[in-house]
PDB file of all heavy atoms in Angstrom:
ATOM      1  N   ASP A   1     -31.444 -40.676  70.653  1.00  0.00           N
ATOM      2  CA  ASP A   1     -31.219 -42.049  71.093  1.00  0.00           C
ATOM      3  C   ASP A   1     -29.946 -42.545  70.425  1.00  0.00           C
ATOM      4  O   ASP A   1     -29.913 -42.752  69.211  1.00  0.00           O
ATOM      5  CB  ASP A   1     -32.421 -42.920  70.694  1.00  0.00           C
ATOM      6  CG  ASP A   1     -32.274 -44.370  71.149  1.00  0.00           C
ATOM      7  OD1 ASP A   1     -31.145 -44.791  71.485  1.00  0.00           O
ATOM      8  OD2 ASP A   1     -33.293 -45.092  71.157  1.00  0.00           O
ATOM      9  N   SER A   2     -28.896 -42.734  71.208  1.00  0.00           N
ATOM     10  CA  SER A   2     -27.587 -43.066  70.625  1.00  0.00           C
ATOM     11  C   SER A   2     -27.155 -44.501  70.918  1.00  0.00           C
ATOM     12  O   SER A   2     -25.969 -44.822  70.844  1.00  0.00           O
ATOM     13  CB  SER A   2     -26.522 -42.085  71.119  1.00  0.00           C
ATOM     14  OG  SER A   2     -26.287 -42.246  72.501  1.00  0.00           O
ATOM     15  N   ASN A   3     -28.093 -45.365  71.259  1.00  0.00           N
ATOM     16  CA  ASN A   3     -27.737 -46.755  71.487  1.00  0.00           C
ATOM     17  C   ASN A   3     -27.274 -47.441  70.210  1.00  0.00           C
ATOM     18  O   ASN A   3     -26.463 -48.358  70.247  1.00  0.00           O
ATOM     19  CB  ASN A   3     -28.919 -47.506  72.095  1.00  0.00           C
ATOM     20  CG  ASN A   3     -29.067 -47.209  73.580  1.00  0.00           C
ATOM     21  OD1 ASN A   3     -28.231 -47.574  74.381  1.00  0.00           O
ATOM     22  ND2 ASN A   3     -30.124 -46.506  73.932  1.00  0.00           N
ATOM     23  N   ASP A   4     -27.817 -47.012  69.085  1.00  0.00           N
ATOM     24  CA  ASP A   4     -27.349 -47.477  67.776  1.00  0.00           C
ATOM     25  C   ASP A   4     -26.576 -46.315  67.164  1.00  0.00           C
ATOM     26  O   ASP A   4     -27.164 -45.332  66.711  1.00  0.00           O
ATOM     27  CB  ASP A   4     -28.541 -47.875  66.897  1.00  0.00           C
ATOM     28  CG  ASP A   4     -28.120 -48.464  65.561  1.00  0.00           C
ATOM     29  OD1 ASP A   4     -27.121 -47.989  64.978  1.00  0.00           O
ATOM     30  OD2 ASP A   4     -28.807 -49.379  65.071  1.00  0.00           O
ATOM     31  N   LYS A   5     -25.254 -46.427  67.144  1.00  0.00           N
ATOM     32  CA  LYS A   5     -24.412 -45.297  66.732  1.00  0.00           C
ATOM     33  C   LYS A   5     -24.706 -44.842  65.313  1.00  0.00           C
ATOM     34  O   LYS A   5     -24.797 -43.639  65.026  1.00  0.00           O
ATOM     35  CB  LYS A   5     -22.932 -45.671  66.855  1.00  0.00           C
ATOM     36  CG  LYS A   5     -22.414 -45.754  68.265  1.00  0.00           C
ATOM     37  CD  LYS A   5     -20.916 -46.045  68.247  1.00  0.00           C
ATOM     38  CE  LYS A   5     -20.333 -46.075  69.648  1.00  0.00           C
ATOM     39  NZ  LYS A   5     -18.876 -46.336  69.626  1.00  0.00           N
ATOM     40  N   LYS A   6     -24.845 -45.781  64.399  1.00  0.00           N
ATOM     41  CA  LYS A   6     -25.038 -45.412  63.000  1.00  0.00           C
ATOM     42  C   LYS A   6     -26.361 -44.691  62.804  1.00  0.00           C
ATOM     43  O   LYS A   6     -26.434 -43.658  62.123  1.00  0.00           O
ATOM     44  CB  LYS A   6     -24.955 -46.657  62.113  1.00  0.00           C
ATOM     45  CG  LYS A   6     -23.555 -47.245  62.014  1.00  0.00           C
ATOM     46  CD  LYS A   6     -23.510 -48.451  61.092  1.00  0.00           C
ATOM     47  CE  LYS A   6     -22.089 -48.985  60.969  1.00  0.00           C
ATOM     48  NZ  LYS A   6     -22.020 -50.179  60.094  1.00  0.00           N
ATOM     49  N   ARG A   7     -27.429 -45.224  63.380  1.00  0.00           N
ATOM     50  CA  ARG A   7     -28.731 -44.570  63.252  1.00  0.00           C
ATOM     51  C   ARG A   7     -28.731 -43.207  63.947  1.00  0.00           C
ATOM     52  O   ARG A   7     -29.347 -42.254  63.469  1.00  0.00           O
ATOM     53  CB  ARG A   7     -29.833 -45.458  63.825  1.00  0.00           C
ATOM     54  CG  ARG A   7     -30.246 -46.598  62.892  1.00  0.00           C
ATOM     55  CD  ARG A   7     -31.548 -47.239  63.354  1.00  0.00           C
ATOM     56  NE  ARG A   7     -32.082 -48.096  62.307  1.00  0.00           N
ATOM     57  CZ  ARG A   7     -31.801 -49.377  62.169  1.00  0.00           C
ATOM     58  NH1 ARG A   7     -30.956 -49.955  63.015  1.00  0.00           N
ATOM     59  NH2 ARG A   7     -32.342 -50.085  61.187  1.00  0.00           N
ATOM     60  N   ALA A   8     -28.041 -43.131  65.077  1.00  0.00           N
ATOM     61  CA  ALA A   8     -27.968 -41.851  65.788  1.00  0.00           C
ATOM     62  C   ALA A   8     -27.313 -40.779  64.928  1.00  0.00           C
ATOM     63  O   ALA A   8     -27.794 -39.637  64.867  1.00  0.00           O
ATOM     64  CB  ALA A   8     -27.189 -42.029  67.094  1.00  0.00           C
ATOM     65  N   ARG A   9     -26.228 -41.134  64.241  1.00  0.00           N
ATOM     66  CA  ARG A   9     -25.541 -40.156  63.391  1.00  0.00           C
ATOM     67  C   ARG A   9     -26.440 -39.684  62.258  1.00  0.00           C
ATOM     68  O   ARG A   9     -26.550 -38.479  61.988  1.00  0.00           O
ATOM     69  CB  ARG A   9     -24.268 -40.777  62.827  1.00  0.00           C
ATOM     70  CG  ARG A   9     -23.208 -41.057  63.864  1.00  0.00           C
ATOM     71  CD  ARG A   9     -22.119 -41.958  63.313  1.00  0.00           C
ATOM     72  NE  ARG A   9     -21.247 -42.467  64.367  1.00  0.00           N
ATOM     73  CZ  ARG A   9     -20.413 -43.481  64.218  1.00  0.00           C
ATOM     74  NH1 ARG A   9     -20.332 -44.113  63.044  1.00  0.00           N
ATOM     75  NH2 ARG A   9     -19.668 -43.885  65.213  1.00  0.00           N
ATOM     76  N   LEU A  10     -27.091 -40.624  61.604  1.00  0.00           N
ATOM     77  CA  LEU A  10     -27.965 -40.267  60.478  1.00  0.00           C
ATOM     78  C   LEU A  10     -29.144 -39.425  60.953  1.00  0.00           C
ATOM     79  O   LEU A  10     -29.497 -38.415  60.322  1.00  0.00           O
ATOM     80  CB  LEU A  10     -28.466 -41.533  59.780  1.00  0.00           C
ATOM     81  CG  LEU A  10     -27.398 -42.442  59.149  1.00  0.00           C
ATOM     82  CD1 LEU A  10     -28.056 -43.661  58.521  1.00  0.00           C
ATOM     83  CD2 LEU A  10     -26.573 -41.692  58.113  1.00  0.00           C
ATOM     84  N   ASN A  11     -29.759 -39.829  62.055  1.00  0.00           N
ATOM     85  CA  ASN A  11     -30.915 -39.090  62.566  1.00  0.00           C
ATOM     86  C   ASN A  11     -30.537 -37.684  62.999  1.00  0.00           C
ATOM     87  O   ASN A  11     -31.261 -36.713  62.745  1.00  0.00           O
ATOM     88  CB  ASN A  11     -31.543 -39.846  63.741  1.00  0.00           C
ATOM     89  CG  ASN A  11     -32.247 -41.114  63.313  1.00  0.00           C
ATOM     90  OD1 ASN A  11     -32.763 -41.210  62.197  1.00  0.00           O
ATOM     91  ND2 ASN A  11     -32.291 -42.094  64.187  1.00  0.00           N
ATOM     92  N   LEU A  12     -29.370 -37.564  63.642  1.00  0.00           N
ATOM     93  CA  LEU A  12     -28.956 -36.255  64.128  1.00  0.00           C
ATOM     94  C   LEU A  12     -28.626 -35.315  62.973  1.00  0.00           C
ATOM     95  O   LEU A  12     -29.056 -34.157  62.963  1.00  0.00           O
ATOM     96  CB  LEU A  12     -27.753 -36.410  65.063  1.00  0.00           C
ATOM     97  CG  LEU A  12     -27.348 -35.163  65.852  1.00  0.00           C
ATOM     98  CD1 LEU A  12     -26.691 -35.571  67.175  1.00  0.00           C
ATOM     99  CD2 LEU A  12     -26.391 -34.264  65.074  1.00  0.00           C
ATOM    100  N   ILE A  13     -27.862 -35.792  61.999  1.00  0.00           N
ATOM    101  CA  ILE A  13     -27.490 -34.928  60.867  1.00  0.00           C
ATOM    102  C   ILE A  13     -28.738 -34.511  60.095  1.00  0.00           C
ATOM    103  O   ILE A  13     -28.878 -33.353  59.686  1.00  0.00           O
ATOM    104  CB  ILE A  13     -26.482 -35.626  59.947  1.00  0.00           C
ATOM    105  CG1 ILE A  13     -25.177 -35.913  60.699  1.00  0.00           C
ATOM    106  CG2 ILE A  13     -26.184 -34.759  58.717  1.00  0.00           C
ATOM    107  CD1 ILE A  13     -24.182 -36.760  59.923  1.00  0.00           C
ATOM    108  N   SER A  14     -29.657 -35.451  59.898  1.00  0.00           N
ATOM    109  CA  SER A  14     -30.904 -35.134  59.206  1.00  0.00           C
ATOM    110  C   SER A  14     -31.686 -34.055  59.953  1.00  0.00           C
ATOM    111  O   SER A  14     -32.189 -33.101  59.353  1.00  0.00           O
ATOM    112  CB  SER A  14     -31.748 -36.406  59.073  1.00  0.00           C
ATOM    113  OG  SER A  14     -32.999 -36.120  58.493  1.00  0.00           O
ATOM    114  N   HIS A  15     -31.749 -34.190  61.266  1.00  0.00           N
ATOM    115  CA  HIS A  15     -32.454 -33.192  62.084  1.00  0.00           C
ATOM    116  C   HIS A  15     -31.740 -31.846  62.026  1.00  0.00           C
ATOM    117  O   HIS A  15     -32.378 -30.794  61.869  1.00  0.00           O
ATOM    118  CB  HIS A  15     -32.532 -33.681  63.527  1.00  0.00           C
ATOM    119  CG  HIS A  15     -33.259 -32.747  64.441  1.00  0.00           C
ATOM    120  ND1 HIS A  15     -32.630 -31.692  65.071  1.00  0.00           N
ATOM    121  CD2 HIS A  15     -34.572 -32.687  64.818  1.00  0.00           C
ATOM    122  CE1 HIS A  15     -33.513 -31.039  65.807  1.00  0.00           C
ATOM    123  NE2 HIS A  15     -34.689 -31.613  65.673  1.00  0.00           N
ATOM    124  N   LEU A  16     -30.420 -31.874  62.147  1.00  0.00           N
ATOM    125  CA  LEU A  16     -29.623 -30.643  62.121  1.00  0.00           C
ATOM    126  C   LEU A  16     -29.889 -29.845  60.848  1.00  0.00           C
ATOM    127  O   LEU A  16     -30.100 -28.623  60.892  1.00  0.00           O
ATOM    128  CB  LEU A  16     -28.144 -31.010  62.240  1.00  0.00           C
ATOM    129  CG  LEU A  16     -27.090 -29.925  62.356  1.00  0.00           C
ATOM    130  CD1 LEU A  16     -25.838 -30.520  62.996  1.00  0.00           C
ATOM    131  CD2 LEU A  16     -26.708 -29.321  61.020  1.00  0.00           C
ATOM    132  N   LEU A  17     -29.896 -30.527  59.713  1.00  0.00           N
ATOM    133  CA  LEU A  17     -30.089 -29.853  58.427  1.00  0.00           C
ATOM    134  C   LEU A  17     -31.456 -29.174  58.346  1.00  0.00           C
ATOM    135  O   LEU A  17     -31.601 -28.118  57.726  1.00  0.00           O
ATOM    136  CB  LEU A  17     -29.923 -30.854  57.282  1.00  0.00           C
ATOM    137  CG  LEU A  17     -28.488 -31.358  57.055  1.00  0.00           C
ATOM    138  CD1 LEU A  17     -28.494 -32.581  56.147  1.00  0.00           C
ATOM    139  CD2 LEU A  17     -27.616 -30.256  56.457  1.00  0.00           C
ATOM    140  N   LYS A  18     -32.446 -29.785  58.993  1.00  0.00           N
ATOM    141  CA  LYS A  18     -33.798 -29.225  58.944  1.00  0.00           C
ATOM    142  C   LYS A  18     -33.951 -27.996  59.837  1.00  0.00           C
ATOM    143  O   LYS A  18     -34.932 -27.253  59.702  1.00  0.00           O
ATOM    144  CB  LYS A  18     -34.815 -30.293  59.340  1.00  0.00           C
ATOM    145  CG  LYS A  18     -34.953 -31.403  58.309  1.00  0.00           C
ATOM    146  CD  LYS A  18     -35.954 -32.458  58.763  1.00  0.00           C
ATOM    147  CE  LYS A  18     -36.083 -33.568  57.722  1.00  0.00           C
ATOM    148  NZ  LYS A  18     -37.005 -34.641  58.153  1.00  0.00           N
ATOM    149  N   GLN A  19     -33.014 -27.789  60.755  1.00  0.00           N
ATOM    150  CA  GLN A  19     -33.105 -26.645  61.665  1.00  0.00           C
ATOM    151  C   GLN A  19     -32.529 -25.366  61.070  1.00  0.00           C
ATOM    152  O   GLN A  19     -32.684 -24.296  61.648  1.00  0.00           O
ATOM    153  CB  GLN A  19     -32.374 -26.953  62.978  1.00  0.00           C
ATOM    154  CG  GLN A  19     -32.773 -28.249  63.641  1.00  0.00           C
ATOM    155  CD  GLN A  19     -34.265 -28.445  63.739  1.00  0.00           C
ATOM    156  OE1 GLN A  19     -34.971 -27.611  64.321  1.00  0.00           O
ATOM    157  NE2 GLN A  19     -34.763 -29.536  63.185  1.00  0.00           N
ATOM    158  N   ILE A  20     -31.870 -25.483  59.916  1.00  0.00           N
ATOM    159  CA  ILE A  20     -31.173 -24.330  59.332  1.00  0.00           C
ATOM    160  C   ILE A  20     -31.761 -24.026  57.963  1.00  0.00           C
ATOM    161  O   ILE A  20     -31.830 -24.915  57.101  1.00  0.00           O
ATOM    162  CB  ILE A  20     -29.663 -24.630  59.209  1.00  0.00           C
ATOM    163  CG1 ILE A  20     -29.100 -25.015  60.588  1.00  0.00           C
ATOM    164  CG2 ILE A  20     -28.917 -23.429  58.643  1.00  0.00           C
ATOM    165  CD1 ILE A  20     -27.677 -25.536  60.547  1.00  0.00           C
ATOM    166  N   PRO A  21     -32.185 -22.802  57.720  1.00  0.00           N
ATOM    167  CA  PRO A  21     -32.859 -22.456  56.456  1.00  0.00           C
ATOM    168  C   PRO A  21     -31.888 -22.212  55.301  1.00  0.00           C
ATOM    169  O   PRO A  21     -31.934 -21.187  54.625  1.00  0.00           O
ATOM    170  CB  PRO A  21     -33.619 -21.184  56.821  1.00  0.00           C
ATOM    171  CG  PRO A  21     -32.739 -20.513  57.834  1.00  0.00           C
ATOM    172  CD  PRO A  21     -32.152 -21.649  58.655  1.00  0.00           C
ATOM    173  N   TYR A  22     -31.006 -23.183  55.050  1.00  0.00           N
ATOM    174  CA  TYR A  22     -30.013 -23.005  53.998  1.00  0.00           C
ATOM    175  C   TYR A  22     -30.615 -23.285  52.623  1.00  0.00           C
ATOM    176  O   TYR A  22     -31.658 -23.929  52.494  1.00  0.00           O
ATOM    177  CB  TYR A  22     -28.807 -23.917  54.244  1.00  0.00           C
ATOM    178  CG  TYR A  22     -29.056 -25.381  53.991  1.00  0.00           C
ATOM    179  CD1 TYR A  22     -28.685 -25.985  52.792  1.00  0.00           C
ATOM    180  CD2 TYR A  22     -29.662 -26.178  54.965  1.00  0.00           C
ATOM    181  CE1 TYR A  22     -28.915 -27.336  52.567  1.00  0.00           C
ATOM    182  CE2 TYR A  22     -29.893 -27.524  54.750  1.00  0.00           C
ATOM    183  CZ  TYR A  22     -29.519 -28.100  53.549  1.00  0.00           C
ATOM    184  OH  TYR A  22     -29.757 -29.435  53.318  1.00  0.00           O
ATOM    185  N   GLU A  23     -29.947 -22.805  51.621  1.00  0.00           N
ATOM    186  CA  GLU A  23     -30.369 -23.031  50.238  1.00  0.00           C
ATOM    187  C   GLU A  23     -29.190 -23.589  49.440  1.00  0.00           C
ATOM    188  O   GLU A  23     -28.035 -23.331  49.767  1.00  0.00           O
ATOM    189  CB  GLU A  23     -30.836 -21.719  49.594  1.00  0.00           C
ATOM    190  CG  GLU A  23     -32.025 -21.077  50.299  1.00  0.00           C
ATOM    191  CD  GLU A  23     -32.378 -19.725  49.683  1.00  0.00           C
ATOM    192  OE1 GLU A  23     -31.639 -19.288  48.760  1.00  0.00           O
ATOM    193  OE2 GLU A  23     -33.355 -19.107  50.128  1.00  0.00           O
ATOM    194  N   HIS A  24     -29.511 -24.339  48.397  1.00  0.00           N
ATOM    195  CA  HIS A  24     -28.472 -24.817  47.484  1.00  0.00           C
ATOM    196  C   HIS A  24     -28.081 -23.666  46.557  1.00  0.00           C
ATOM    197  O   HIS A  24     -28.915 -23.165  45.803  1.00  0.00           O
ATOM    198  CB  HIS A  24     -28.980 -26.005  46.667  1.00  0.00           C
ATOM    199  CG  HIS A  24     -29.005 -27.287  47.429  1.00  0.00           C
ATOM    200  ND1 HIS A  24     -28.128 -28.325  47.176  1.00  0.00           N
ATOM    201  CD2 HIS A  24     -29.781 -27.692  48.465  1.00  0.00           C
ATOM    202  CE1 HIS A  24     -28.378 -29.317  48.009  1.00  0.00           C
ATOM    203  NE2 HIS A  24     -29.382 -28.959  48.806  1.00  0.00           N
ATOM    204  N   LEU A  25     -26.846 -23.261  46.632  1.00  0.00           N
ATOM    205  CA  LEU A  25     -26.375 -22.150  45.816  1.00  0.00           C
ATOM    206  C   LEU A  25     -25.730 -22.680  44.539  1.00  0.00           C
ATOM    207  O   LEU A  25     -25.086 -23.733  44.559  1.00  0.00           O
ATOM    208  CB  LEU A  25     -25.363 -21.316  46.601  1.00  0.00           C
ATOM    209  CG  LEU A  25     -25.864 -20.734  47.932  1.00  0.00           C
ATOM    210  CD1 LEU A  25     -24.748 -19.944  48.607  1.00  0.00           C
ATOM    211  CD2 LEU A  25     -27.093 -19.854  47.722  1.00  0.00           C
ATOM    212  N   PRO A  26     -25.881 -21.968  43.434  1.00  0.00           N
ATOM    213  CA  PRO A  26     -25.251 -22.414  42.186  1.00  0.00           C
ATOM    214  C   PRO A  26     -23.735 -22.371  42.307  1.00  0.00           C
ATOM    215  O   PRO A  26     -23.167 -21.456  42.912  1.00  0.00           O
ATOM    216  CB  PRO A  26     -25.751 -21.399  41.154  1.00  0.00           C
ATOM    217  CG  PRO A  26     -26.139 -20.188  41.946  1.00  0.00           C
ATOM    218  CD  PRO A  26     -26.640 -20.702  43.258  1.00  0.00           C
ATOM    219  N   ARG A  27     -23.092 -23.375  41.750  1.00  0.00           N
ATOM    220  CA  ARG A  27     -21.634 -23.441  41.806  1.00  0.00           C
ATOM    221  C   ARG A  27     -21.062 -23.092  40.445  1.00  0.00           C
ATOM    222  O   ARG A  27     -21.606 -23.477  39.406  1.00  0.00           O
ATOM    223  CB  ARG A  27     -21.181 -24.843  42.194  1.00  0.00           C
ATOM    224  CG  ARG A  27     -21.528 -25.205  43.629  1.00  0.00           C
ATOM    225  CD  ARG A  27     -20.757 -26.419  44.071  1.00  0.00           C
ATOM    226  NE  ARG A  27     -20.928 -26.698  45.478  1.00  0.00           N
ATOM    227  CZ  ARG A  27     -20.140 -27.515  46.168  1.00  0.00           C
ATOM    228  NH1 ARG A  27     -19.129 -28.120  45.550  1.00  0.00           N
ATOM    229  NH2 ARG A  27     -20.348 -27.728  47.439  1.00  0.00           N
ATOM    230  N   LYS A  28     -19.949 -22.401  40.452  1.00  0.00           N
ATOM    231  CA  LYS A  28     -19.270 -22.056  39.214  1.00  0.00           C
ATOM    232  C   LYS A  28     -18.656 -23.309  38.589  1.00  0.00           C
ATOM    233  O   LYS A  28     -18.167 -24.192  39.289  1.00  0.00           O
ATOM    234  CB  LYS A  28     -18.171 -21.019  39.476  1.00  0.00           C
ATOM    235  CG  LYS A  28     -18.693 -19.667  39.963  1.00  0.00           C
ATOM    236  CD  LYS A  28     -17.538 -18.702  40.184  1.00  0.00           C
ATOM    237  CE  LYS A  28     -18.044 -17.347  40.663  1.00  0.00           C
ATOM    238  NZ  LYS A  28     -16.913 -16.401  40.904  1.00  0.00           N
ATOM    239  N   THR A  29     -18.685 -23.362  37.294  1.00  0.00           N
ATOM    240  CA  THR A  29     -18.060 -24.476  36.590  1.00  0.00           C
ATOM    241  C   THR A  29     -16.542 -24.368  36.724  1.00  0.00           C
ATOM    242  O   THR A  29     -15.954 -23.320  36.452  1.00  0.00           O
ATOM    243  CB  THR A  29     -18.447 -24.471  35.100  1.00  0.00           C
ATOM    244  OG1 THR A  29     -19.876 -24.551  34.998  1.00  0.00           O
ATOM    245  CG2 THR A  29     -17.819 -25.647  34.374  1.00  0.00           C
TER     246      THR A  29
END
């Protein structure tokens, strides 16, 4: 539902992240 642009962006990105089984990798200092 993109009638509210800001909510649409947040909802879509949140959904997108849940579709991919990524992990937080340790970063070098």
